[in-house]
Every structure is written in C-alpha cells, then in structure tokens.
Amino acid sequence: MNHEVVIVGAGPNGLLLAGELRLAGVPVLLLERSPLPGGEPRANGLIGRVVQAMDLRGLYEPLAGRPGPPAPTPWFQFGGLPLDLSAVADNPLFALPVPQARIQQVLEERARDLGAEIRRGHEVTGFGQDADDMQVNVRTADGDLRLRTRWLVGADGGHSLIRKQAGIPFPGSNDDRFVSHMGHAVIPADRLDSDGALALPDGRRLMPFAHNRLPGGVFTFARLGDTGEAYLVAVMEWAGRGREAAPVTFADLQHAVDRVLDGALPLGRPTRPSPLLRRLEGVTIRQATRYRAGRVLLVGDAAHVHPAVGGPGLNLGLQDALNLGWKLAAEIRGWAPPGLLDTYQTERAPIGRRVALQSRAQLALLAPGDEVTALRDLLAELLRHDHTRRDVAALLAGADQPYDMGQHDPHPATGAWLPDLLPALTEGRAAVRDRLRAARPVVIELAPGAAEAAGGWRDRVDVVAARGGLDAKALLVRPDGHVAWAGGPADGLAEALHRWFGTPSHVHR
C-alpha cells in the first residue's frame, strides 16, 4: 500500500506533526514500536513559545485542564538561579506544568480525530529510497510488512534509526560524569511549609519546581498530574559512578537523596504503582548536520539532543513539527515554491544550536565548586536588572532569534510572533484565531487593498479584515504563527505571497 507520509515515532513531536499534516488534508501513517503509550516520567511541562503555539491550535485548554488563554509566568529559573519576571514588561516566557503522558494523550486524540492512522507495535527496521518514493520495512507481532511512501519522517528520538540509515551525521559530545535518579515518592508533610517549600533540619528551604543546587548535587521535586500524594523527585550527582545495568529500586532513589541532602529527607513509597527512571547515560549534546536527506526528514530529538535543564526539549521539538508540517503539506499538494521545504532546516537548525548553548550553560551553573559559585553570584547580580531578566526569558522562550524572512529593509513587524500582536487587534481577532486553529495562512487586512492583492492565492491563503493599533496596513501570517511580511499592499505583499505560498492560481473563492 502506498502512503503520502509515514512518521516513525508516536511521541509528542510525531503526534503533533501528524495532526498538522491532517489539517492540511494530507494522509499520514504514524508507526510506533511500543504497543502501548508510554507513562514514564519525562518532560514535566511546556516552556516557552510552544505554550502560545498550542493555544493557536486550540490545544491549550485541553492541556491546562482549565478555560482561558495562557499567561506569562511570573517566575522561572536559569541554572537554578531565580528569575523574577513579575515586573518585566512584555514578558515573553510562558510555562504550563503538565505531564508528558497527558501531552501525548491530547495530541494523539487530536491526530486520530483529524484522521491520522496510528499503528502501535510496528517497529521500522529499515528503508530504501529512490527518486519517486520509499520502501519502509516494518516488523510486527504478526510478521514483517513492506510499505511504500513518498516521504518518511523520523520522530524516533535521539537514537533515531531513520537518521542513522539516512546517513545523516550527528556530531556532538557526551559527558558521563553525571548520574541522575528520578521517581515518585512521598515527602513527609511535616517537612513542607505553607508555600510548598521543603524545610531541611539545618534551616535551608528548597523550592518545588526548582533546581536546588547543593554541595552534593542537585535536588528537584514537584507534584504533577494525577500522582496522588506522591511527588516527582529527581537527583543529579556529579560523582561519576559509572554505568550500572541493574534495574532501579526505590532504595536507589533514597540513597541518592541521602547523598545529596545528607540523609535529611526520608522518602515514603507511593501507595499506587509508579514508574521509576534511572538515567545513567550522562549528558549528550548532538545535532544533525542536516534535517533532510532526499525524502527523509527529522524532527525533535532525532535532529538534536541536549541537556534537559530548563525543559527546552518540547518547546524545540514541537515547534519543529509546526514549522515542518505546513511546508511538507505544501510540497505534497503541489503549490510549494522552490526551496520552501529547505527553509525547515535553515530556520530550525539555528534554534537547535541556541537551545544547546543555553541548556549547556545552565548545566554548568549547577555544577559544584567555588568557581561556579562565584559565577553564579555574578550572574545573580546581573539578573537584578529588568532588561537582563527579559533577555534571559526570551532566550528560554526561544524568542530571541526571529526567523529571517528574506526581505531587505523589512517592516518592524516582519518576523514577529503573531500571539504577541493579537492583543492589538480590536476587531477580527477571533477570525484570525479561527484560521490559525485550522493551520491556514492568513492575510490580516488592516486597510483596503490587501484582499485584492492576495486574490490569486485565495485557494490556499485566507484574508481577514481587522482593525487595531498596528503600524501596518496588512500582515501575512504563516500557518506556524510567524509574520512573513508586513506593510502596505503595494510594499511587496504579492512578492511575499510568491515567496512563501507559490504561484498564484487566479482562482477566487
């Protein structure tokens, strides 16, 4: 059987990409090796622009479990240092605590509702490609299959088989000095004060959701999702204890906590079964040299791996999927301009390098030693300034490097992030949000003339009349929420439509 797109890996990135392709009317098959959805503790939430991106697609409320739009977080951290954003104007950092299992559940339900075919218990063992399509070899409990597809997307993690068989180099480095333990445990109630901080016998207070740096390592705890009385407890040590193959036990977690907290916190076993995870692989920082090889594409950890400090992984990977989805759909549906699919790499690879930089810096700030303490003290002084805190917040949000839209002397709004501009619209805001929920490109007409200029693209680009306090007569917004062009209709709108959405069809709707 022939398929348009086969995605390998039913994690959040693969699931979101499947939904994006279905919004564009592209048939998609998603293959997952595991027979059941994973419930192990991994990501603990969404950090950065991805929170607003989920809101653009109508996914924020199902993930948050409450009505209303997202709001910037008043507090975060950088390398374990507090980052007070409560008084920062135009705070760009959003955060949504939600377990990865819930994220996957919401994205899988959406993908299935939109018509994506998801097959679990299907392990891709290899593939071959020619100029026209690809053959994918799949192992199942009922025997081996051979599928044909035009495009193959690897969303299969840092050890990606798809990347390896495509011959895409994955340079970087490994650091095996780190040993991490994670698990669900009960923290004695008498050790927690009224604001949820953990009080140690020596007077120290450790905050939840924080990387608490201590002489023996880093201690983190948080209550997430439906875990009953249990907290998710994580410990990182720099002791370099080697690679142990034995299964993790609750005693292993307690021993790690004892070492870092000097035996000051006895943990209780949770009353319900909970998965425990020991990470002994250290820290790996790698990035694919290219995100595409012929008809093979990579998203998420298949394209880049980095330290998990600060939780940047899903912000990066899910926005890979948002960037790739509409471009791959355009290629399949035949209207993509030359080079559009190549902009997936040129736009996303620099963001991946930026995440590797900031997560590595945060990890360094958590290390033991007097020199690191001095560096932290100096950085803490710099973070007293609003502009510094905002710059760091933009770095964490992935908002500090706008995409290059390829224009000479562009309007200031070109390259902007649409959610930042929506509050300025006094009319038309709901209509714009409806178009973006369906992953449609939009011309926002703030003065007459834009609709006529966009007439030849009305089969693939919607026009919404709006009013508001924006210093532009029109905006061209891509399906991923980025402003591709801004100005007046005579200032290059047609050229921008050509650049991003191909040759006009001259079919008006």
Protein backbone atom coordinates (compact mmCIF):
# COMPACT_ATOMS: atom_id res chain seq x y z
CA MET A 1 0.00 0.00 0.00
CA ASN A 2 1.28 3.48 -0.88
CA HIS A 3 1.25 6.33 1.63
CA GLU A 4 1.93 10.03 1.29
CA VAL A 5 3.78 10.38 4.61
CA VAL A 6 4.99 7.83 7.14
CA ILE A 7 6.07 9.20 10.52
CA VAL A 8 8.18 6.96 12.76
CA GLY A 9 7.64 7.62 16.46
CA ALA A 10 4.43 8.43 18.35
CA GLY A 11 5.91 10.81 20.89
CA PRO A 12 4.62 14.38 21.15
CA ASN A 13 6.57 15.59 18.11
CA GLY A 14 5.38 12.85 15.79
CA LEU A 15 1.81 13.14 17.02
CA LEU A 16 1.70 16.91 16.54
CA LEU A 17 3.18 16.61 13.06
CA ALA A 18 0.57 14.01 12.15
CA GLY A 19 -2.17 16.41 13.21
CA GLU A 20 -0.61 19.28 11.28
CA LEU A 21 -0.49 17.24 8.09
CA ARG A 22 -4.11 16.17 8.51
CA LEU A 23 -5.18 19.80 8.97
CA ALA A 24 -3.72 20.38 5.50
CA GLY A 25 -5.58 17.38 4.08
CA VAL A 26 -2.51 15.12 3.74
CA PRO A 27 -2.97 11.40 4.54
CA VAL A 28 -0.48 10.25 7.15
CA LEU A 29 0.51 6.96 8.76
CA LEU A 30 2.28 7.04 12.13
CA LEU A 31 4.22 3.93 13.23
CA GLU A 32 5.24 3.34 16.84
CA ARG A 33 7.39 0.46 18.07
CA SER A 34 5.83 0.30 21.54
CA PRO A 35 2.48 -1.49 21.71
CA LEU A 36 1.16 0.91 24.38
CA PRO A 37 1.53 4.63 25.10
CA GLY A 38 4.41 5.31 27.48
CA GLY A 39 3.69 6.56 31.00
CA GLU A 40 7.24 7.04 32.26
CA PRO A 41 8.15 10.44 33.71
CA ARG A 42 9.89 12.51 31.08
CA ALA A 43 9.01 16.10 30.30
CA ASN A 44 7.16 17.80 33.13
CA GLY A 45 5.58 20.59 31.14
CA LEU A 46 5.76 23.03 28.27
CA ILE A 47 8.10 26.01 28.45
CA GLY A 48 8.36 28.90 26.00
CA ARG A 49 6.57 29.89 22.83
CA VAL A 50 5.20 26.40 22.39
CA VAL A 51 2.58 27.22 25.07
CA GLN A 52 1.21 30.02 22.88
CA ALA A 53 1.53 27.78 19.81
CA MET A 54 -0.67 25.18 21.48
CA ASP A 55 -3.17 27.95 22.15
CA LEU A 56 -3.14 28.92 18.46
CA ARG A 57 -4.18 25.36 17.62
CA GLY A 58 -6.88 25.23 20.31
CA LEU A 59 -4.89 22.79 22.45
CA TYR A 60 -4.02 24.94 25.44
CA GLU A 61 -7.26 24.47 27.37
CA PRO A 62 -7.31 20.65 27.00
CA LEU A 63 -3.70 20.54 28.19
CA ALA A 64 -4.18 23.01 31.03
CA GLY A 65 -7.47 21.48 32.15
CA ARG A 66 -8.99 24.92 32.66
CA PRO A 67 -10.56 27.61 30.46
CA GLY A 68 -8.89 30.81 29.42
CA PRO A 69 -5.79 31.86 27.49
CA PRO A 70 -2.20 31.32 28.65
CA ALA A 71 -0.45 33.99 30.67
CA PRO A 72 3.27 34.70 31.08
CA THR A 73 4.87 33.01 34.04
CA PRO A 74 5.88 35.46 36.79
CA TRP A 75 8.76 33.26 37.96
CA PHE A 76 11.23 30.85 36.46
CA GLN A 77 14.87 29.96 36.88
CA PHE A 78 18.08 29.87 34.90
CA GLY A 79 20.64 27.34 36.02
CA GLY A 80 18.90 27.16 39.37
CA LEU A 81 19.06 30.94 39.85
CA PRO A 82 15.67 32.60 40.48
CA LEU A 83 14.31 34.61 37.57
CA ASP A 84 11.69 37.07 38.82
CA LEU A 85 9.63 38.13 35.80
CA SER A 86 6.68 39.61 37.67
CA ALA A 87 7.66 43.21 36.84
CA VAL A 88 9.18 42.59 33.39
CA ALA A 89 7.29 44.41 30.63
CA ASP A 90 6.22 42.22 27.69
CA ASN A 91 7.39 39.09 29.48
CA PRO A 92 7.89 36.52 26.68
CA LEU A 93 8.12 33.39 28.83
CA PHE A 94 5.13 31.08 29.20
CA ALA A 95 5.02 27.85 31.18
CA LEU A 96 2.44 25.08 31.51
CA PRO A 97 3.13 22.30 34.02
CA VAL A 98 1.63 19.14 32.53
CA PRO A 99 2.98 15.55 32.46
CA GLN A 100 4.21 14.29 29.11
CA ALA A 101 1.76 11.40 29.26
CA ARG A 102 -1.10 13.93 29.21
CA ILE A 103 0.52 15.86 26.35
CA GLN A 104 0.75 12.68 24.31
CA GLN A 105 -2.84 11.74 25.14
CA VAL A 106 -4.19 15.10 23.94
CA LEU A 107 -2.08 15.12 20.78
CA GLU A 108 -2.95 11.52 19.94
CA GLU A 109 -6.69 12.14 20.37
CA ARG A 110 -6.40 15.18 18.11
CA ALA A 111 -4.43 13.33 15.44
CA ARG A 112 -6.92 10.46 15.39
CA ASP A 113 -9.90 12.84 15.33
CA LEU A 114 -8.36 14.54 12.29
CA GLY A 115 -7.99 11.19 10.52
CA ALA A 116 -4.38 10.17 11.12
CA GLU A 117 -3.74 6.42 11.11
CA ILE A 118 -1.65 5.34 14.11
CA ARG A 119 -0.32 1.80 14.36
CA ARG A 120 1.34 0.72 17.59
CA GLY A 121 3.51 -2.36 17.87
CA HIS A 122 5.05 -1.53 14.49
CA GLU A 123 8.85 -1.29 14.50
CA VAL A 124 10.58 0.17 11.46
CA THR A 125 13.70 -1.90 10.76
CA GLY A 126 14.97 -0.19 7.62
CA PHE A 127 14.08 1.64 4.43
CA GLY A 128 15.27 2.42 0.92
CA GLN A 129 14.52 5.38 -1.30
CA ASP A 130 14.66 6.32 -4.94
CA ALA A 131 13.73 9.47 -6.83
CA ASP A 132 9.98 8.91 -6.52
CA ASP A 133 9.20 7.13 -3.28
CA MET A 134 10.46 4.91 -0.49
CA GLN A 135 10.09 1.36 0.77
CA VAL A 136 9.78 1.00 4.55
CA ASN A 137 10.37 -2.34 6.27
CA VAL A 138 8.26 -2.91 9.37
CA ARG A 139 8.29 -5.66 12.00
CA THR A 140 5.06 -6.53 13.83
CA ALA A 141 3.88 -9.30 16.13
CA ASP A 142 2.07 -10.81 13.14
CA GLY A 143 5.03 -10.71 10.77
CA ASP A 144 7.00 -8.32 8.59
CA LEU A 145 5.49 -5.68 6.32
CA ARG A 146 6.73 -3.59 3.44
CA LEU A 147 5.13 -0.20 2.96
CA ARG A 148 5.68 2.43 0.29
CA THR A 149 5.59 6.13 1.00
CA ARG A 150 6.54 9.36 -0.70
CA TRP A 151 8.00 10.88 2.48
CA LEU A 152 9.47 9.42 5.66
CA VAL A 153 9.81 11.46 8.86
CA GLY A 154 11.98 10.33 11.75
CA ALA A 155 10.47 11.35 15.08
CA ASP A 156 12.11 8.36 16.73
CA GLY A 157 14.31 10.03 19.32
CA GLY A 158 17.98 10.61 19.94
CA HIS A 159 18.97 7.08 18.84
CA SER A 160 16.98 7.53 15.62
CA LEU A 161 17.20 4.58 13.24
CA ILE A 162 15.85 6.82 10.48
CA ARG A 163 18.67 9.34 10.91
CA LYS A 164 21.32 6.61 11.02
CA GLN A 165 20.07 4.78 7.93
CA ALA A 166 19.70 8.06 6.04
CA GLY A 167 23.42 8.60 6.64
CA ILE A 168 22.96 11.94 8.38
CA PRO A 169 25.92 12.73 10.68
CA PHE A 170 25.09 13.51 14.31
CA PRO A 171 28.18 15.24 15.73
CA GLY A 172 28.47 16.39 19.31
CA SER A 173 29.76 15.30 22.67
CA ASN A 174 28.96 13.04 25.62
CA ASP A 175 29.70 13.79 29.27
CA ASP A 176 29.44 10.72 31.50
CA ARG A 177 30.18 12.50 34.78
CA PHE A 178 26.51 12.81 35.60
CA VAL A 179 24.26 10.29 37.31
CA SER A 180 20.56 11.02 37.63
CA HIS A 181 17.80 9.28 39.58
CA MET A 182 14.12 10.06 39.24
CA GLY A 183 10.98 8.55 40.73
CA HIS A 184 7.69 9.12 42.51
CA ALA A 185 7.93 9.31 46.28
CA VAL A 186 6.01 10.64 49.27
CA ILE A 187 7.62 13.57 51.09
CA PRO A 188 6.67 13.81 54.79
CA ALA A 189 4.03 16.52 55.19
CA ASP A 190 5.77 17.97 58.24
CA ARG A 191 8.75 18.84 56.05
CA LEU A 192 6.71 21.09 53.76
CA ASP A 193 5.81 24.63 54.72
CA SER A 194 2.75 26.63 53.69
CA ASP A 195 4.12 27.64 50.27
CA GLY A 196 5.22 24.11 49.40
CA ALA A 197 8.93 24.57 50.15
CA LEU A 198 10.87 21.70 51.67
CA ALA A 199 12.34 22.66 55.05
CA LEU A 200 15.58 20.88 55.95
CA PRO A 201 16.72 20.41 59.56
CA ASP A 202 19.61 22.87 59.08
CA GLY A 203 17.21 25.68 58.13
CA ARG A 204 17.62 25.52 54.36
CA ARG A 205 14.43 25.81 52.25
CA LEU A 206 14.26 24.03 48.90
CA MET A 207 11.63 25.28 46.47
CA PRO A 208 9.44 22.99 44.34
CA PHE A 209 9.93 23.05 40.56
CA ALA A 210 13.46 24.43 41.14
CA HIS A 211 16.92 23.03 40.54
CA ASN A 212 18.19 23.30 44.10
CA ARG A 213 22.00 23.30 43.92
CA LEU A 214 23.70 21.71 46.91
CA PRO A 215 27.30 20.63 47.62
CA GLY A 216 26.48 17.02 46.78
CA GLY A 217 24.39 17.62 43.68
CA VAL A 218 21.03 18.98 42.55
CA PHE A 219 17.66 18.15 44.11
CA THR A 220 14.32 18.80 42.39
CA PHE A 221 10.80 17.92 43.44
CA ALA A 222 7.35 18.73 42.08
CA ARG A 223 3.81 17.42 42.14
CA LEU A 224 2.48 16.91 38.64
CA GLY A 225 -0.70 15.39 37.34
CA ASP A 226 -2.65 12.61 39.00
CA THR A 227 0.06 11.16 41.26
CA GLY A 228 -1.94 11.17 44.47
CA GLU A 229 0.23 12.04 47.44
CA ALA A 230 3.46 11.40 45.54
CA TYR A 231 5.96 13.93 44.25
CA LEU A 232 8.24 13.50 41.30
CA VAL A 233 11.69 13.55 42.88
CA ALA A 234 14.87 13.95 40.85
CA VAL A 235 18.51 13.96 41.91
CA MET A 236 21.57 14.76 39.81
CA GLU A 237 25.06 13.96 41.03
CA TRP A 238 28.45 14.80 39.59
CA ALA A 239 30.09 11.80 41.23
CA GLY A 240 30.67 9.82 38.03
CA ARG A 241 29.60 6.45 39.43
CA GLY A 242 29.71 4.61 36.13
CA ARG A 243 27.08 2.83 34.11
CA GLU A 244 25.07 0.45 36.24
CA ALA A 245 22.86 -2.06 34.48
CA ALA A 246 20.77 -3.18 37.46
CA PRO A 247 17.08 -2.23 37.49
CA VAL A 248 16.24 0.85 39.54
CA THR A 249 14.79 0.32 43.01
CA PHE A 250 13.18 2.66 45.50
CA ALA A 251 16.23 2.16 47.70
CA ASP A 252 18.43 3.52 44.89
CA LEU A 253 16.37 6.70 44.83
CA GLN A 254 16.53 7.04 48.61
CA HIS A 255 20.30 6.52 48.65
CA ALA A 256 20.76 9.23 46.01
CA VAL A 257 18.60 11.64 48.03
CA ASP A 258 20.59 10.76 51.16
CA ARG A 259 23.85 11.60 49.44
CA VAL A 260 22.66 14.97 48.17
CA LEU A 261 20.67 16.00 51.26
CA ASP A 262 22.96 14.42 53.86
CA GLY A 263 20.27 11.98 54.93
CA ALA A 264 17.86 14.77 55.83
CA LEU A 265 14.80 13.50 53.95
CA PRO A 266 13.29 10.04 54.42
CA LEU A 267 11.02 9.25 51.48
CA GLY A 268 7.84 7.21 51.60
CA ARG A 269 6.73 4.74 48.99
CA PRO A 270 3.70 5.84 46.98
CA THR A 271 0.52 3.86 47.58
CA ARG A 272 -0.12 3.40 43.88
CA PRO A 273 2.33 1.80 41.41
CA SER A 274 4.54 4.43 39.80
CA PRO A 275 7.29 4.15 37.19
CA LEU A 276 10.83 4.93 38.28
CA LEU A 277 13.56 6.01 35.92
CA ARG A 278 17.30 5.97 36.41
CA ARG A 279 19.28 7.98 33.92
CA LEU A 280 22.86 6.80 33.87
CA GLU A 281 23.76 7.91 30.39
CA GLY A 282 25.20 11.24 31.45
CA VAL A 283 24.54 14.22 29.22
CA THR A 284 24.66 14.20 25.44
CA ILE A 285 24.70 17.26 23.18
CA ARG A 286 24.39 16.48 19.48
CA GLN A 287 22.76 17.97 16.39
CA ALA A 288 22.19 16.53 12.94
CA THR A 289 24.23 18.23 10.23
CA ARG A 290 21.10 18.37 8.11
CA TYR A 291 17.41 17.82 8.84
CA ARG A 292 16.63 16.43 5.40
CA ALA A 293 18.19 13.79 3.17
CA GLY A 294 16.17 13.38 -0.01
CA ARG A 295 12.71 12.24 1.06
CA VAL A 296 13.73 11.70 4.69
CA LEU A 297 13.13 14.41 7.30
CA LEU A 298 13.94 14.60 11.02
CA VAL A 299 12.06 16.28 13.88
CA GLY A 300 12.63 16.60 17.61
CA ASP A 301 15.29 14.51 19.33
CA ALA A 302 16.04 12.69 16.09
CA ALA A 303 17.55 16.01 14.93
CA HIS A 304 19.02 17.30 18.20
CA VAL A 305 19.65 16.24 21.79
CA HIS A 306 20.72 18.49 24.65
CA PRO A 307 20.59 18.72 28.45
CA ALA A 308 17.07 18.73 29.86
CA VAL A 309 17.79 21.59 32.28
CA GLY A 310 15.09 24.22 31.96
CA GLY A 311 12.78 21.94 30.00
CA PRO A 312 13.51 23.21 26.45
CA GLY A 313 13.00 19.88 24.67
CA LEU A 314 9.31 20.07 23.79
CA ASN A 315 9.48 23.79 23.04
CA LEU A 316 12.09 22.92 20.44
CA GLY A 317 10.66 19.68 19.08
CA LEU A 318 7.01 20.68 18.87
CA GLN A 319 7.95 23.87 17.04
CA ASP A 320 9.98 21.75 14.64
CA ALA A 321 6.73 19.94 13.88
CA LEU A 322 4.78 23.19 13.46
CA ASN A 323 7.44 24.54 11.11
CA LEU A 324 7.68 21.38 9.02
CA GLY A 325 4.02 20.42 8.82
CA TRP A 326 2.68 23.15 6.54
CA LYS A 327 5.81 23.17 4.37
CA LEU A 328 5.72 19.42 3.75
CA ALA A 329 1.98 19.64 3.06
CA ALA A 330 2.62 22.39 0.52
CA GLU A 331 5.22 20.21 -1.21
CA ILE A 332 2.82 17.27 -1.37
CA ARG A 333 -0.12 19.33 -2.58
CA GLY A 334 1.95 20.86 -5.34
CA TRP A 335 1.96 24.57 -4.56
CA ALA A 336 5.21 24.90 -2.62
CA PRO A 337 7.58 27.47 -4.12
CA PRO A 338 11.14 26.31 -4.88
CA GLY A 339 13.20 25.90 -1.73
CA LEU A 340 10.31 26.14 0.74
CA LEU A 341 10.99 22.74 2.29
CA ASP A 342 14.67 23.63 2.66
CA THR A 343 13.73 26.55 4.91
CA TYR A 344 12.77 23.98 7.54
CA GLN A 345 16.46 23.37 8.21
CA THR A 346 17.63 26.95 7.73
CA GLU A 347 15.06 28.20 10.25
CA ARG A 348 15.10 25.43 12.83
CA ALA A 349 18.77 24.39 12.99
CA PRO A 350 19.93 27.76 14.43
CA ILE A 351 17.22 27.47 17.09
CA GLY A 352 18.51 24.00 17.95
CA ARG A 353 22.04 25.35 18.36
CA ARG A 354 20.69 28.10 20.59
CA VAL A 355 18.96 25.58 22.86
CA ALA A 356 22.14 23.53 23.11
CA LEU A 357 24.01 26.68 24.13
CA GLN A 358 21.62 27.82 26.85
CA SER A 359 20.96 24.35 28.30
CA ARG A 360 24.69 23.63 28.46
CA ALA A 361 25.23 26.97 30.22
CA GLN A 362 22.52 26.14 32.75
CA LEU A 363 24.06 22.75 33.42
CA ALA A 364 27.43 24.39 34.04
CA LEU A 365 25.82 26.75 36.56
CA LEU A 366 24.54 23.77 38.55
CA ALA A 367 27.93 22.09 38.89
CA PRO A 368 29.73 22.04 42.24
CA GLY A 369 32.80 24.12 43.03
CA ASP A 370 33.83 27.54 44.29
CA GLU A 371 34.46 28.86 40.78
CA VAL A 372 30.90 28.02 39.75
CA THR A 373 29.60 29.64 42.94
CA ALA A 374 31.45 32.84 42.04
CA LEU A 375 30.00 32.78 38.53
CA ARG A 376 26.51 32.27 39.94
CA ASP A 377 26.93 35.19 42.34
CA LEU A 378 27.99 37.47 39.49
CA LEU A 379 25.13 36.37 37.24
CA ALA A 380 22.67 36.87 40.10
CA GLU A 381 23.79 40.50 40.28
CA LEU A 382 23.18 40.95 36.55
CA LEU A 383 19.72 39.40 36.88
CA ARG A 384 18.67 42.25 39.15
CA HIS A 385 18.14 44.36 36.02
CA ASP A 386 14.82 44.13 34.19
CA HIS A 387 16.39 44.17 30.72
CA THR A 388 18.73 41.30 31.60
CA ARG A 389 15.89 39.22 33.00
CA ARG A 390 13.86 39.88 29.87
CA ASP A 391 16.75 38.86 27.61
CA VAL A 392 17.18 35.62 29.54
CA ALA A 393 13.42 34.99 29.45
CA ALA A 394 13.44 35.49 25.66
CA LEU A 395 16.35 33.05 25.38
CA LEU A 396 14.46 30.43 27.38
CA ALA A 397 11.27 31.04 25.39
CA GLY A 398 13.04 30.62 22.06
CA ALA A 399 12.03 34.19 21.21
CA ASP A 400 15.42 35.84 20.93
CA GLN A 401 16.16 34.95 17.29
CA PRO A 402 13.30 35.67 14.85
CA TYR A 403 13.28 33.87 11.52
CA ASP A 404 14.87 35.64 8.58
CA MET A 405 12.01 36.24 6.15
CA GLY A 406 14.39 37.13 3.33
CA GLN A 407 13.44 40.77 2.89
CA HIS A 408 15.68 43.79 2.51
CA ASP A 409 14.78 46.53 4.99
CA PRO A 410 11.63 44.77 6.26
CA HIS A 411 8.83 46.34 8.25
CA PRO A 412 9.46 46.04 12.03
CA ALA A 413 6.59 43.56 12.36
CA THR A 414 8.11 41.18 9.80
CA GLY A 415 9.34 38.09 11.62
CA ALA A 416 7.17 38.86 14.65
CA TRP A 417 5.30 36.20 16.61
CA LEU A 418 1.59 36.64 15.96
CA PRO A 419 0.41 35.93 19.55
CA ASP A 420 2.39 38.99 20.61
CA LEU A 421 0.43 41.14 18.14
CA LEU A 422 -3.08 39.74 18.57
CA PRO A 423 -3.92 41.87 21.65
CA ALA A 424 -3.53 44.98 19.48
CA LEU A 425 -6.43 43.89 17.23
CA THR A 426 -9.70 45.50 18.26
CA GLU A 427 -11.68 43.74 15.51
CA GLY A 428 -11.05 40.48 13.69
CA ARG A 429 -9.07 38.77 16.43
CA ALA A 430 -11.45 35.80 16.72
CA ALA A 431 -11.50 35.28 12.95
CA VAL A 432 -7.71 35.27 12.81
CA ARG A 433 -7.54 32.75 15.63
CA ASP A 434 -10.04 30.51 13.83
CA ARG A 435 -7.86 30.47 10.70
CA LEU A 436 -4.73 29.68 12.70
CA ARG A 437 -6.53 26.93 14.60
CA ALA A 438 -7.02 25.27 11.21
CA ALA A 439 -3.34 25.94 10.31
CA ARG A 440 -4.32 28.26 7.47
CA PRO A 441 -2.06 31.10 6.30
CA VAL A 442 -3.75 34.46 6.77
CA VAL A 443 -3.55 37.95 5.32
CA ILE A 444 -4.74 40.33 8.01
CA GLU A 445 -6.20 43.32 6.16
CA LEU A 446 -5.97 46.45 8.31
CA ALA A 447 -6.63 48.85 5.41
CA PRO A 448 -8.23 48.38 1.97
CA GLY A 449 -6.19 46.76 -0.79
CA ALA A 450 -4.73 43.60 0.74
CA ALA A 451 -7.62 41.34 -0.23
CA GLU A 452 -7.29 42.34 -3.87
CA ALA A 453 -3.52 41.86 -3.84
CA ALA A 454 -3.95 38.37 -2.37
CA GLY A 455 -6.73 37.35 -4.75
CA GLY A 456 -4.65 34.89 -6.75
CA TRP A 457 -3.78 32.91 -3.64
CA ARG A 458 -7.25 32.60 -2.13
CA ASP A 459 -7.27 28.83 -2.70
CA ARG A 460 -4.56 28.50 -0.03
CA VAL A 461 -4.43 31.82 1.86
CA ASP A 462 -7.34 33.33 3.80
CA VAL A 463 -7.99 37.06 4.18
CA VAL A 464 -9.43 38.51 7.38
CA ALA A 465 -10.44 42.15 7.73
CA ALA A 466 -9.34 43.56 11.06
CA ARG A 467 -8.71 46.78 12.94
CA GLY A 468 -6.17 47.63 15.57
CA GLY A 469 -3.22 49.66 16.66
CA LEU A 470 -0.59 48.07 14.43
CA ASP A 471 1.65 50.28 12.30
CA ALA A 472 0.96 48.33 9.12
CA LYS A 473 -1.81 48.13 6.56
CA ALA A 474 -1.60 44.36 6.30
CA LEU A 475 0.18 41.33 7.74
CA LEU A 476 0.92 37.99 6.08
CA VAL A 477 0.94 35.26 8.72
CA ARG A 478 2.27 31.76 8.11
CA PRO A 479 0.43 28.71 9.48
CA ASP A 480 3.05 28.37 12.25
CA GLY A 481 2.17 31.81 13.63
CA HIS A 482 5.14 33.81 12.32
CA VAL A 483 4.59 37.07 10.40
CA ALA A 484 6.17 36.56 6.98
CA TRP A 485 5.54 40.12 5.78
CA ALA A 486 4.07 43.41 6.97
CA GLY A 487 3.43 46.75 5.30
CA GLY A 488 1.07 48.14 2.68
CA PRO A 489 -0.36 46.12 -0.22
CA ALA A 490 1.93 47.91 -2.66
CA ASP A 491 5.00 47.31 -0.48
CA GLY A 492 5.67 43.74 -1.57
CA LEU A 493 2.68 41.65 -0.47
CA ALA A 494 2.48 39.86 -3.82
CA GLU A 495 6.22 39.12 -3.71
CA ALA A 496 5.89 37.71 -0.17
CA LEU A 497 2.96 35.54 -1.22
CA HIS A 498 5.07 34.22 -4.11
CA ARG A 499 7.99 33.53 -1.78
CA TRP A 500 6.01 31.57 0.82
CA PHE A 501 2.92 30.27 -0.98
CA GLY A 502 3.95 29.73 -4.57
CA THR A 503 2.50 30.74 -7.91
CA PRO A 504 -0.99 32.30 -7.81
CA SER A 505 -3.78 30.13 -9.12
CA HIS A 506 -6.05 33.06 -10.01
CA VAL A 507 -8.96 31.03 -8.65
CA HIS A 508 -11.07 33.24 -6.38
CA ARG A 509 -13.36 31.83 -3.68
